[in-house]
Protein backbone atom coordinates (compact mmCIF):
# COMPACT_ATOMS: atom_id res chain seq x y z
CA MET A 1 -17.48 14.25 0.84
CA THR A 2 -18.76 10.88 -0.37
CA LYS A 3 -21.55 11.95 -2.72
CA GLY A 4 -20.63 11.26 -6.33
CA ARG A 5 -17.50 9.28 -5.45
CA GLU A 6 -19.00 5.86 -6.16
CA GLY A 7 -18.01 5.77 -9.82
CA TYR A 8 -14.44 6.75 -9.01
CA GLU A 9 -14.16 4.03 -6.37
CA ILE A 10 -15.52 1.38 -8.74
CA LEU A 11 -13.02 2.51 -11.38
CA LEU A 12 -10.24 2.45 -8.77
CA ASP A 13 -11.19 -1.08 -7.67
CA ALA A 14 -11.31 -2.33 -11.27
CA THR A 15 -7.90 -0.78 -11.97
CA ILE A 16 -6.39 -2.29 -8.84
CA LEU A 17 -7.75 -5.74 -9.73
CA LEU A 18 -6.37 -5.44 -13.27
CA VAL A 19 -2.90 -4.41 -12.00
CA TYR A 20 -3.03 -7.27 -9.46
CA LEU A 21 -3.83 -9.80 -12.19
CA ILE A 22 -1.06 -8.46 -14.41
CA ASN A 23 1.45 -8.58 -11.54
CA LYS A 24 0.38 -12.07 -10.49
CA ASN A 25 0.42 -13.60 -13.97
CA SER A 26 3.35 -11.87 -15.68
CA ASP A 27 6.60 -10.09 -14.96
CA ILE A 28 5.80 -7.05 -17.12
CA LEU A 29 5.65 -4.73 -14.08
CA TYR A 30 8.93 -5.91 -12.56
CA GLY A 31 10.90 -3.03 -14.10
CA ILE A 32 8.87 -0.41 -12.20
CA LEU A 33 10.10 -1.31 -8.71
CA PRO A 34 12.65 -3.86 -7.50
CA ARG A 35 11.67 -7.42 -8.42
CA PRO A 36 11.54 -8.76 -4.81
CA PHE A 37 9.13 -5.97 -3.83
CA MET A 38 6.94 -6.55 -6.89
CA ARG A 39 6.86 -10.29 -6.23
CA ASN A 40 6.41 -10.23 -2.44
CA HIS A 41 4.80 -6.96 -1.36
CA PHE A 42 3.27 -5.00 -4.25
CA ASN A 43 0.01 -6.94 -4.08
CA ASP A 44 -0.22 -6.11 -0.36
CA LEU A 45 0.09 -2.42 -1.26
CA LEU A 46 -2.73 -2.90 -3.78
CA ALA A 47 -4.83 -4.71 -1.15
CA GLY A 48 -4.34 -1.81 1.26
CA CYS A 49 -5.72 0.54 -1.37
CA LEU A 50 -8.52 -1.78 -2.47
CA PHE A 51 -9.97 -2.68 0.91
CA PRO A 52 -11.22 0.75 2.13
CA SER A 53 -12.69 1.46 -1.30
CA TYR A 54 -14.45 -1.91 -1.39
CA VAL A 55 -15.78 -1.45 2.16
CA ASN A 56 -17.14 1.99 1.22
CA ILE A 57 -18.96 0.51 -1.77
CA VAL A 58 -20.48 -2.19 0.47
CA LEU A 59 -21.45 0.37 3.13
CA ARG A 60 -23.16 2.60 0.55
CA THR A 61 -24.95 -0.39 -0.99
CA ALA A 62 -26.21 -1.38 2.48
CA ARG A 63 -27.26 2.27 3.03
CA PHE A 64 -24.95 2.84 6.00
CA ASP A 65 -24.11 6.48 6.66
CA TYR A 66 -20.44 5.79 7.42
CA GLN A 67 -17.51 5.96 5.02
CA ILE A 68 -13.80 5.32 5.36
CA ASP A 69 -12.58 8.77 4.33
CA SER A 70 -10.32 10.10 7.08
CA LEU A 71 -6.79 9.32 8.22
CA LEU A 72 -8.05 7.72 11.43
CA SER A 73 -10.66 5.55 9.70
CA VAL A 74 -8.11 4.38 7.11
CA LEU A 75 -5.55 3.55 9.81
CA ILE A 76 -8.10 1.62 11.87
CA THR A 77 -9.27 -0.29 8.78
CA GLU A 78 -5.73 -1.21 7.78
CA MET A 79 -4.79 -2.27 11.31
CA VAL A 80 -7.86 -4.51 11.56
CA CYS A 81 -6.98 -6.04 8.18
CA SER A 82 -3.40 -6.52 9.33
CA LEU A 83 -4.58 -8.26 12.47
CA PHE A 84 -6.59 -10.76 10.44
CA TRP A 85 -4.20 -11.26 7.51
CA GLU A 86 -0.89 -11.19 9.38
CA VAL A 87 -1.74 -12.53 12.86
CA LEU A 88 -4.88 -14.69 12.72
CA ALA A 89 -4.62 -16.14 9.19
CA PRO A 90 -1.20 -17.76 9.86
CA LEU A 91 -2.76 -19.60 12.80
CA TYR A 92 -5.26 -21.33 10.51
CA LEU A 93 -3.76 -21.34 7.01
CA ALA A 94 -0.56 -23.29 6.45
CA ARG A 95 0.43 -21.18 3.43
CA SER A 96 -0.05 -17.89 5.29
CA THR A 97 2.85 -16.19 7.08
CA CYS A 98 3.19 -13.19 9.36
CA ASP A 99 5.20 -10.43 7.67
CA PRO A 100 5.57 -6.98 9.25
CA ILE A 101 6.49 -5.47 5.87
CA ASP A 102 3.04 -6.48 4.64
CA VAL A 103 1.49 -4.42 7.44
CA ILE A 104 3.47 -1.38 6.26
CA CYS A 105 2.30 -2.05 2.69
CA TYR A 106 -1.36 -2.27 3.79
CA ILE A 107 -1.05 1.08 5.58
CA LEU A 108 0.75 2.71 2.64
CA GLY A 109 -1.95 1.38 0.31
CA GLY A 110 -4.58 2.91 2.60
CA MET A 111 -2.76 6.23 2.45
CA LEU A 112 -2.75 6.03 -1.36
CA TYR A 113 -6.49 5.44 -1.24
CA LEU A 114 -6.96 8.44 1.04
CA MET A 115 -4.89 10.63 -1.32
CA PHE A 116 -7.00 9.38 -4.23
CA ILE A 117 -10.33 10.29 -2.61
CA LEU A 118 -9.01 13.67 -1.48
CA ILE A 119 -7.87 14.45 -5.03
CA VAL A 120 -11.20 13.29 -6.48
CA SER A 121 -13.14 15.31 -3.91
CA ASN A 122 -11.07 18.45 -4.49
CA ARG A 123 -11.37 18.06 -8.26
CA ARG A 124 -15.16 17.77 -8.01
CA ASP A 125 -15.31 20.81 -5.70
CA CYS A 126 -13.27 22.89 -8.18
CA GLN A 127 -15.58 21.93 -11.04
CA GLN A 128 -18.69 23.11 -9.21
């Protein structure tokens, strides 16, 4: 399921980073969803989508034969991220806070990533 997906994941990561930069540096996206969500949680949703894709790129580059491409692997990845970002980081970074809504956003972002790779994989299978 992972062969040929690299280009799509790089494109996804670049798109996510662009949307993140736009959201962080302007209010142009604030009309899409409620302003408090866009300001406080949208970037966490993007991070949840970005992280499994980024990890897959790193794993492929390091020639590991494992990919985050199932519901279980996405959930485990997002829960590990949540543990670090929402539990451990606040212990060491004064500007970091624990927010359960962020955990939900990470998981939802991971689900968006999973939907993306399933669509890409199905599209490639139909073209063959």
